[in-house]
Structures are given as structure tokens and as C-alpha cells.
Amino acid sequence: MSDSEILAAIKVIAQQLCVQESAYASYNWAGRTQKRQRLHIRSLLGFRISTAADAIGITAWLSSHALLGENRPFDRLKEVVHERYQDLKIEPPEPKSIDRLIRSAVRTTDEQFYTTTMDKLSPVTRVKLDALLNPTTLPDGTTDITSILQQLRSDAGA
């Protein structure tokens, strides 16, 4: 949310509660009262605090989500994760935790893709691919530390 959207939301809520908008600025956001009020609000709305198990479950859910294809719009993934937390009636964790969760899901999806792809390759093809990555032995018996693939990439030119 942008600052202007937050201020607009504060204005609407202040009007609904018949209080001054300035009451928001004077509220103690770090005190015990705030914690108690958040507890009451969560209880009223049927939400609960997020746990590590929730993060693991949402990471697994996101890993299987269709949005994790080639084009990975990070902002859209954040929206999807927040929607999932809301659907499950779980208070989302800090934004940094959400970012880590998304990166973990992306990494898991990539690893699953690589594993599935490797499983589809024949053993002969796997050996040939490995040979492209291993250092090469020169005709004089010495070992070149660069692989065939590295040599091909370096000779690619413009």
C-alpha cells in the first residue's frame, strides 16, 4: 500500500468510528494496550498468529502454484501469499518473512523442475551431459581445467 492509500484508509476508518484522524498518530503502536487490542481484533475476526508450520505449508502450496512458471512477478506472488493467509484466517508474518517464503517456494519449484527433467533423460544422455561439464584430458595426457562447455561458451563470439 502506498502512503496515500494508507491515509485514505485511516480517513475512512476514522469517519466510521466518529473519531479524529489525528487519533491515529497519537496511538502507542508498541505498547501492551496495542498487543491486547490486536489479540481482541484477531479473536473477533477469527484470525490467529502465524506459526512456522503455517509458513512451511504455504511455501509448499505456493511451490505448486501456477504463477511460479517462467515469468515470476514478485509483487503478484506477494499478493497471492497474502490472499492465502487471509483465506486461512492467519495473520501474515513480517514482509521480510513473506519475501523469504516466496524465494524458498521459487527455489523448490526450480529444484523440482530440474529433478523431473533429469529423470526424463536416459542414462546415456546424462553421461554425455556430465562429460560436457567435466575437465577435459588433452592429447598429451594433461588435464585442461576448463570443461568443453566452458570452452564452447568462451568461443561463442559476438
Protein backbone atom coordinates (compact mmCIF):
# COMPACT_ATOMS: atom_id res chain seq x y z
CA MET A 1 0.00 0.00 0.00
CA SER A 2 1.19 3.48 -0.76
CA ASP A 3 1.19 6.23 1.86
CA SER A 4 -1.75 7.94 0.16
CA GLU A 5 -3.76 4.70 0.26
CA ILE A 6 -2.95 4.23 3.94
CA LEU A 7 -4.01 7.80 4.72
CA ALA A 8 -7.24 7.29 2.75
CA ALA A 9 -7.96 4.10 4.72
CA ILE A 10 -7.27 5.91 8.01
CA LYS A 11 -9.67 8.68 6.98
CA VAL A 12 -12.46 6.20 6.13
CA ILE A 13 -12.00 4.25 9.37
CA ALA A 14 -11.88 7.47 11.43
CA GLN A 15 -15.16 8.58 9.85
CA GLN A 16 -16.77 5.20 10.56
CA LEU A 17 -15.66 5.35 14.20
CA CYS A 18 -16.56 9.05 14.55
CA VAL A 19 -13.06 9.98 15.75
CA GLN A 20 -10.49 12.49 14.55
CA GLU A 21 -7.91 11.27 12.03
CA SER A 22 -5.21 12.66 14.32
CA ALA A 23 -6.05 9.96 16.90
CA TYR A 24 -4.09 7.53 14.70
CA ALA A 25 -0.85 9.49 15.11
CA SER A 26 -1.13 9.61 18.90
CA TYR A 27 -1.77 5.86 19.29
CA ASN A 28 1.02 3.88 21.02
CA TRP A 29 1.79 1.18 18.45
CA ALA A 30 4.38 -0.60 20.61
CA GLY A 31 2.64 -0.82 23.97
CA ARG A 32 0.83 -3.57 25.82
CA THR A 33 -2.54 -1.99 25.04
CA GLN A 34 -1.88 -2.34 21.33
CA LYS A 35 -0.94 -6.01 21.75
CA ARG A 36 -4.08 -6.70 23.77
CA GLN A 37 -6.25 -4.89 21.22
CA ARG A 38 -4.67 -6.85 18.35
CA LEU A 39 -5.48 -10.05 20.24
CA HIS A 40 -9.12 -8.95 20.60
CA ILE A 41 -9.34 -8.00 16.92
CA ARG A 42 -7.85 -11.35 15.82
CA SER A 43 -10.28 -13.16 18.08
CA LEU A 44 -13.25 -11.16 16.80
CA LEU A 45 -12.33 -11.82 13.16
CA GLY A 46 -11.39 -15.46 13.72
CA PHE A 47 -7.71 -15.00 12.82
CA ARG A 48 -4.69 -16.46 14.57
CA ILE A 49 -0.96 -15.74 14.67
CA SER A 50 1.17 -17.42 12.03
CA THR A 51 3.41 -20.33 13.01
CA ALA A 52 6.47 -21.90 11.40
CA ALA A 53 4.26 -24.81 10.31
CA ASP A 54 1.98 -22.33 8.52
CA ALA A 55 4.95 -20.90 6.63
CA ILE A 56 6.04 -24.39 5.58
CA GLY A 57 2.52 -25.23 4.42
CA ILE A 58 2.12 -22.01 2.46
CA THR A 59 5.57 -22.46 0.90
CA ALA A 60 4.54 -25.96 -0.25
CA TRP A 61 1.22 -24.60 -1.53
CA LEU A 62 2.96 -21.78 -3.41
CA SER A 63 5.52 -24.20 -4.89
CA SER A 64 2.69 -25.99 -6.65
CA HIS A 65 1.01 -22.74 -7.72
CA ALA A 66 0.74 -21.98 -11.42
CA LEU A 67 2.26 -18.49 -11.02
CA LEU A 68 5.69 -19.98 -10.47
CA GLY A 69 6.28 -20.56 -14.16
CA GLU A 70 8.87 -18.72 -16.20
CA ASN A 71 7.58 -15.21 -15.54
CA ARG A 72 7.66 -14.69 -11.77
CA PRO A 73 6.02 -11.38 -10.90
CA PHE A 74 7.26 -10.95 -7.32
CA ASP A 75 4.61 -8.36 -6.42
CA ARG A 76 1.85 -10.65 -7.68
CA LEU A 77 3.32 -13.55 -5.69
CA LYS A 78 3.19 -11.36 -2.57
CA GLU A 79 -0.48 -10.64 -3.24
CA VAL A 80 -1.22 -14.34 -3.71
CA VAL A 81 0.56 -15.23 -0.45
CA HIS A 82 -1.33 -12.52 1.47
CA GLU A 83 -4.62 -13.75 -0.04
CA ARG A 84 -3.75 -17.29 1.05
CA TYR A 85 -3.05 -16.16 4.62
CA GLN A 86 -6.34 -14.25 4.60
CA ASP A 87 -8.26 -17.27 3.24
CA LEU A 88 -6.78 -19.41 6.02
CA LYS A 89 -7.54 -16.67 8.58
CA ILE A 90 -3.91 -16.44 9.64
CA GLU A 91 -2.20 -13.15 10.42
CA PRO A 92 0.66 -12.90 7.89
CA PRO A 93 4.23 -12.64 9.15
CA GLU A 94 6.58 -9.70 8.58
CA PRO A 95 7.21 -8.64 4.96
CA LYS A 96 10.79 -9.99 5.10
CA SER A 97 9.42 -13.40 6.07
CA ILE A 98 6.96 -13.30 3.18
CA ASP A 99 9.85 -12.50 0.80
CA ARG A 100 11.88 -15.44 2.16
CA LEU A 101 8.85 -17.71 1.84
CA ILE A 102 8.41 -16.72 -1.82
CA ARG A 103 12.12 -17.18 -2.62
CA SER A 104 12.00 -20.61 -0.96
CA ALA A 105 8.95 -21.62 -3.00
CA VAL A 106 10.64 -20.45 -6.22
CA ARG A 107 13.80 -22.41 -5.35
CA THR A 108 11.73 -25.52 -4.53
CA THR A 109 9.85 -25.23 -7.82
CA ASP A 110 13.12 -24.89 -9.74
CA GLU A 111 14.62 -27.92 -7.99
CA GLN A 112 11.51 -29.97 -8.75
CA PHE A 113 11.71 -28.91 -12.40
CA TYR A 114 15.41 -29.86 -12.62
CA THR A 115 14.80 -33.21 -10.94
CA THR A 116 11.85 -34.02 -13.22
CA THR A 117 13.87 -33.04 -16.27
CA MET A 118 16.86 -35.17 -15.20
CA ASP A 119 14.58 -38.14 -14.54
CA LYS A 120 13.33 -37.95 -18.12
CA LEU A 121 16.85 -38.16 -19.57
CA SER A 122 18.32 -41.52 -20.50
CA PRO A 123 21.45 -42.70 -18.68
CA VAL A 124 23.48 -42.25 -21.88
CA THR A 125 22.35 -38.63 -22.20
CA ARG A 126 23.22 -37.97 -18.57
CA VAL A 127 26.74 -39.32 -19.08
CA LYS A 128 27.18 -37.14 -22.18
CA LEU A 129 25.97 -34.04 -20.31
CA ASP A 130 28.33 -34.78 -17.43
CA ALA A 131 31.18 -35.08 -19.93
CA LEU A 132 30.43 -31.53 -21.11
CA LEU A 133 30.89 -30.26 -17.55
CA ASN A 134 33.99 -32.23 -16.53
CA PRO A 135 37.56 -31.04 -17.20
CA THR A 136 38.93 -32.40 -20.46
CA THR A 137 42.01 -34.56 -20.95
CA LEU A 138 44.31 -33.22 -23.66
CA PRO A 139 46.05 -35.49 -26.23
CA ASP A 140 49.37 -35.09 -24.36
CA GLY A 141 47.77 -36.60 -21.21
CA THR A 142 47.45 -33.34 -19.25
CA THR A 143 44.14 -32.15 -17.90
CA ASP A 144 42.61 -28.88 -19.03
CA ILE A 145 40.79 -27.29 -16.09
CA THR A 146 38.09 -25.84 -18.33
CA SER A 147 35.27 -28.08 -19.44
CA ILE A 148 34.11 -28.49 -23.02
CA LEU A 149 31.03 -26.42 -22.20
CA GLN A 150 33.19 -23.59 -20.83
CA GLN A 151 35.34 -23.72 -23.96
CA LEU A 152 32.26 -23.56 -26.19
CA ARG A 153 30.89 -20.61 -24.25
CA SER A 154 34.19 -18.73 -24.40
CA ASP A 155 34.46 -19.24 -28.17
CA ALA A 156 30.91 -18.08 -28.85
CA GLY A 157 31.98 -14.64 -30.08
CA ALA A 158 29.54 -11.83 -30.59
